[in-house]
Amino acid sequence: MLLLSTSGPFGKFITLPVPLTIAIRAVLALLFLILYCRFKGISFGLRSGDRWPILLSGLLMAAHWLTYFHALQLSNVAIGMLSLFTYPVFTSFLEPLFLKTRFKKTHMLLGLLVLSGIYFLVPDFSLGNQSTIAIGFGLLSALCYAIRNLILKTKVDRYQGSLLMTYQMGIVSLLLLPVYFLYDLSTIGQQWEGLLGVALITTVLGHTMFINCFKHFSVTTVSILSSIQPVYGILIGALLLSEIPAWTTVIGGLLILASVVVESIRSYR
């Protein structure tokens, strides 16, 4: 979770157009992952019935990243990350539909707690308000992320997390090939630290470890526990980017993160 939480600060630090940032992130991560899989002797073979679901998960990953980074650029690390972390709510409602698990009333209460936190994140609800638009993109990103995680949950017992991430990065890279012809590439060299960091630290290490968590917990439990990421992300943003969140953001964040404590205790028991 600590590694994944660097996505917010990196997303705010990198000033390239969002599609170009995501395209380069995916290509760099793909290269690292291929080298890792080769080193570990992991087979790249997929069963025929798994190809379409993994393709869909890659498309959802691209949509998740594009909308999330757009939310970060429209607002700040705190609002961008906290709006994304409504995805445990989506997950708790969708998991019974996707995986035929029993719906738990506790997850409904935790979902309401998260939504209450979102209420405090919106300073002035208006479609012309940049923060409101950013939260809208964050919510869309959360929905894509929740569905993607549920798809991968059904595959993680069969494939290594690093292999699943390799295919997803390949799909994202192919999908975003046109952006190299649409944007000015001359400024990429000035952003290499952030691009390398978000590719290696956040994507290769963080996301691969995150997928492997699905082997041990339900998707809803993992997603609720991962809501600790905004705390790390906001602290990193405050220390390195001098972004101090407003008091309403702090209240909203505390409500969202209260769900983490509750689910952590329930999972441990």
Foldseek 3Di string as FASTA:
>chain_A
DLLQLCCLVLLLVDPDQQLVLLLLLLVLLLVVLVVVCVVVVFDLDDDPVLVVLLLLLLVLLLLLSSLLSLLCNLDHSLLSLLLLLLLLLLLLVCLCVLVVDDRDVVSVVLSVLLVVLNVLQDPDDDPPRSSNVSSVSSNSSSNSNSVSLSSLLVVCVPHQLSSSLSSSSVSSNVVSVCVVVVDDPPCVVVSVVSSNSCNVRNRNPVRRVLSNCSVPDPSSLSSLLCLCSSVSNQVCCCVPVVDDDDVSSVSSSVSSNVSNVVSVVVVVD
